[in-house]
């Protein structure tokens, strides 16, 4: 008899970014153009540090604006940020709100994702959401907040815990963080290139 497969880490829903993508791509492309132009005209007196700076700006723009992602699995809310990925157990979420960023309290700490957010004006006037059905035509940030509340409520019911209860606070592995080596390495290399460029 084949063992049962665990689908708890299968992606239930991915949430697309609400801002920053256009700016991020413009920064990456602009940095690449400057760096390539600098390399092409390096022998004509183009400052090497400008190439190094363009490389660092491009890497940081990619890591800060294009790399972040947000999705939910059967058991976790997953936030991929600048240099790390955070897995938050849905049943362990104590508080949550979408303002200018998504803020989640779990494991006695506050975790933030820049993927989903509201404008400053809407963040000030928005009221805390509650579990409910997503409506056609509702703002995407409202949909994400509503959907996340539903997923958290479902996870709490499955675990038999209430928000703020001792049972919820005692849930094991409420938050798991993993450092992502690729962005860390790229940022370190770009910073090193910039430093070296001052001495070339």
Protein backbone atom coordinates (compact mmCIF):
# COMPACT_ATOMS: atom_id res chain seq x y z
CA UNK A 1 0.00 0.00 0.00
CA UNK A 2 1.48 3.36 -1.06
CA UNK A 3 1.99 5.92 1.75
CA UNK A 4 -0.38 8.86 1.84
CA UNK A 5 1.10 12.05 0.44
CA UNK A 6 1.28 15.16 2.60
CA UNK A 7 -0.18 18.10 0.65
CA UNK A 8 0.10 20.61 3.50
CA UNK A 9 2.86 22.52 1.67
CA UNK A 10 1.02 22.67 -1.66
CA UNK A 11 0.29 26.23 -2.77
CA UNK A 12 -3.34 27.13 -2.11
CA UNK A 13 -3.17 30.68 -3.42
CA UNK A 14 -0.57 33.12 -4.74
CA UNK A 15 -1.05 36.85 -4.25
CA UNK A 16 0.33 39.22 -6.88
CA UNK A 17 2.10 42.48 -5.98
CA UNK A 18 -0.02 45.60 -5.74
CA UNK A 19 2.82 48.05 -6.47
CA UNK A 20 6.53 48.43 -7.09
CA UNK A 21 6.86 46.20 -10.14
CA UNK A 22 7.11 48.97 -12.75
CA UNK A 23 9.54 50.98 -10.61
CA UNK A 24 11.56 47.86 -9.91
CA UNK A 25 11.91 46.93 -13.58
CA UNK A 26 12.79 50.52 -14.52
CA UNK A 27 15.51 50.54 -11.87
CA UNK A 28 16.90 47.17 -12.97
CA UNK A 29 16.88 48.04 -16.68
CA UNK A 30 18.29 51.53 -16.06
CA UNK A 31 21.08 50.12 -13.90
CA UNK A 32 21.91 47.51 -16.54
CA UNK A 33 22.08 50.18 -19.27
CA UNK A 34 24.40 52.35 -17.16
CA UNK A 35 26.61 49.40 -16.25
CA UNK A 36 26.91 48.18 -19.85
CA UNK A 37 27.57 51.69 -21.14
CA UNK A 38 30.20 52.15 -18.48
CA UNK A 39 31.95 48.92 -19.42
CA UNK A 40 31.86 49.88 -23.10
CA UNK A 41 33.41 53.30 -22.46
CA UNK A 42 35.66 52.40 -19.56
CA UNK A 43 38.79 53.09 -21.63
CA UNK A 44 37.42 56.55 -22.53
CA UNK A 45 37.45 57.77 -18.95
CA UNK A 46 34.08 56.50 -17.72
CA UNK A 47 34.36 56.31 -13.88
CA UNK A 48 34.55 52.65 -12.76
CA UNK A 49 32.70 53.42 -9.52
CA UNK A 50 29.62 54.42 -11.54
CA UNK A 51 29.55 50.92 -13.01
CA UNK A 52 29.90 49.42 -9.54
CA UNK A 53 27.16 51.66 -8.16
CA UNK A 54 24.81 50.83 -11.04
CA UNK A 55 25.38 47.11 -10.41
CA UNK A 56 24.61 47.47 -6.70
CA UNK A 57 21.48 49.59 -7.33
CA UNK A 58 20.23 47.05 -9.87
CA UNK A 59 20.72 44.12 -7.50
CA UNK A 60 19.06 45.96 -4.61
CA UNK A 61 16.12 46.97 -6.83
CA UNK A 62 15.63 43.36 -7.88
CA UNK A 63 15.91 42.03 -4.30
CA UNK A 64 13.69 44.70 -2.72
CA UNK A 65 11.05 45.28 -5.42
CA UNK A 66 10.88 42.28 -7.75
CA UNK A 67 11.92 39.31 -5.61
CA UNK A 68 9.37 39.60 -2.75
CA UNK A 69 6.43 37.22 -3.05
CA UNK A 70 3.47 36.12 -0.96
CA UNK A 71 1.53 32.88 -1.05
CA UNK A 72 -0.43 30.51 1.17
CA UNK A 73 -0.11 26.75 1.51
CA UNK A 74 -2.36 24.38 3.38
CA UNK A 75 -0.65 25.24 6.66
CA UNK A 76 1.46 28.35 6.16
CA UNK A 77 1.49 31.93 4.98
CA UNK A 78 4.78 32.33 3.14
CA UNK A 79 6.52 35.70 2.82
CA UNK A 80 9.57 35.91 0.57
CA UNK A 81 11.35 39.15 1.40
CA UNK A 82 14.66 40.86 0.65
CA UNK A 83 17.03 38.14 1.85
CA UNK A 84 14.86 35.56 3.62
CA UNK A 85 11.69 33.50 3.38
CA UNK A 86 9.34 33.35 6.37
CA UNK A 87 6.82 30.53 6.88
CA UNK A 88 4.08 31.56 9.32
CA UNK A 89 1.75 28.86 10.55
CA UNK A 90 -1.75 30.04 9.64
CA UNK A 91 -3.29 28.77 12.87
CA UNK A 92 -0.67 30.69 14.87
CA UNK A 93 -1.55 34.10 13.36
CA UNK A 94 -2.60 36.35 16.24
CA UNK A 95 -3.35 39.57 14.33
CA UNK A 96 -3.22 40.65 10.71
CA UNK A 97 -3.94 43.78 8.68
CA UNK A 98 -3.23 45.21 5.24
CA UNK A 99 -2.18 48.84 5.49
CA UNK A 100 0.66 50.24 3.36
CA UNK A 101 2.15 46.78 3.82
CA UNK A 102 0.80 43.46 5.06
CA UNK A 103 1.55 43.13 8.78
CA UNK A 104 1.11 39.81 10.58
CA UNK A 105 1.65 39.11 14.26
CA UNK A 106 2.67 35.55 15.10
CA UNK A 107 5.16 33.92 17.39
CA UNK A 108 5.12 37.08 19.54
CA UNK A 109 6.65 39.09 16.69
CA UNK A 110 5.47 41.31 13.85
CA UNK A 111 6.20 40.16 10.30
CA UNK A 112 5.85 42.39 7.26
CA UNK A 113 5.42 41.79 3.54
CA UNK A 114 5.65 44.61 1.00
CA UNK A 115 3.93 42.56 -1.70
CA UNK A 116 0.41 43.67 -0.83
CA UNK A 117 -0.54 47.11 0.47
CA UNK A 118 -2.81 50.07 0.18
CA UNK A 119 -2.01 53.67 -0.71
CA UNK A 120 -1.35 55.95 2.26
CA UNK A 121 -4.82 57.52 1.97
CA UNK A 122 -6.63 54.18 1.77
CA UNK A 123 -4.48 52.75 4.56
CA UNK A 124 -5.57 55.58 6.87
CA UNK A 125 -9.28 55.27 6.07
CA UNK A 126 -9.52 51.48 5.78
CA UNK A 127 -11.25 49.62 8.58
CA UNK A 128 -9.91 46.30 9.86
CA UNK A 129 -11.36 43.51 7.76
CA UNK A 130 -13.05 40.42 9.01
CA UNK A 131 -13.73 37.01 7.58
CA UNK A 132 -16.25 37.16 4.78
CA UNK A 133 -16.80 36.43 1.13
CA UNK A 134 -14.78 38.15 -1.56
CA UNK A 135 -17.02 40.32 -3.70
CA UNK A 136 -16.70 40.98 -7.40
CA UNK A 137 -15.13 44.36 -8.08
CA UNK A 138 -13.61 44.77 -4.61
CA UNK A 139 -10.13 46.30 -4.38
CA UNK A 140 -7.38 43.69 -4.62
CA UNK A 141 -5.90 44.60 -1.22
CA UNK A 142 -9.36 44.08 0.31
CA UNK A 143 -9.64 40.71 -1.44
CA UNK A 144 -6.23 39.61 -0.11
CA UNK A 145 -7.09 40.66 3.44
CA UNK A 146 -10.46 38.88 3.29
CA UNK A 147 -8.95 35.75 1.78
CA UNK A 148 -6.17 35.61 4.37
CA UNK A 149 -8.65 35.99 7.22
CA UNK A 150 -10.63 33.07 5.76
CA UNK A 151 -7.51 30.90 5.50
CA UNK A 152 -6.47 31.77 9.06
CA UNK A 153 -9.97 31.03 10.40
CA UNK A 154 -10.02 27.68 8.59
CA UNK A 155 -6.61 26.77 10.02
CA UNK A 156 -7.65 27.75 13.56
CA UNK A 157 -10.79 25.62 13.32
CA UNK A 158 -8.77 22.68 12.03
CA UNK A 159 -6.34 23.03 14.95
CA UNK A 160 -9.13 23.69 17.46
CA UNK A 161 -7.65 26.97 18.73
CA UNK A 162 -9.00 30.49 19.22
CA UNK A 163 -7.19 33.75 18.53
CA UNK A 164 -5.11 34.80 21.51
CA UNK A 165 -5.76 31.59 23.43
CA UNK A 166 -3.09 29.69 25.36
CA UNK A 167 -3.51 26.81 22.94
CA UNK A 168 -2.75 29.06 19.99
CA UNK A 169 0.31 30.59 21.66
CA UNK A 170 1.55 27.09 22.46
CA UNK A 171 1.42 25.87 18.85
CA UNK A 172 4.85 24.55 17.83
CA UNK A 173 6.81 26.00 14.90
CA UNK A 174 4.68 29.13 14.69
CA UNK A 175 7.29 30.83 12.51
CA UNK A 176 10.15 29.39 10.49
CA UNK A 177 12.75 31.65 8.84
CA UNK A 178 15.25 30.61 6.18
CA UNK A 179 18.02 32.79 4.80
CA UNK A 180 18.13 32.80 0.99
CA UNK A 181 21.74 32.60 -0.20
CA UNK A 182 21.23 33.95 -3.74
CA UNK A 183 20.24 37.57 -2.92
CA UNK A 184 22.75 37.69 -0.05
CA UNK A 185 25.54 36.56 -2.39
CA UNK A 186 24.52 38.95 -5.19
CA UNK A 187 24.35 41.94 -2.83
CA UNK A 188 27.73 41.04 -1.30
CA UNK A 189 29.39 40.65 -4.72
CA UNK A 190 27.89 43.92 -6.01
CA UNK A 191 29.03 45.77 -2.88
CA UNK A 192 32.52 44.29 -3.26
CA UNK A 193 32.67 45.36 -6.91
CA UNK A 194 31.72 48.90 -5.90
CA UNK A 195 34.43 49.04 -3.23
CA UNK A 196 37.08 47.68 -5.60
CA UNK A 197 36.01 50.12 -8.33
CA UNK A 198 37.19 53.05 -6.17
CA UNK A 199 40.75 51.69 -6.33
CA UNK A 200 40.88 50.82 -10.04
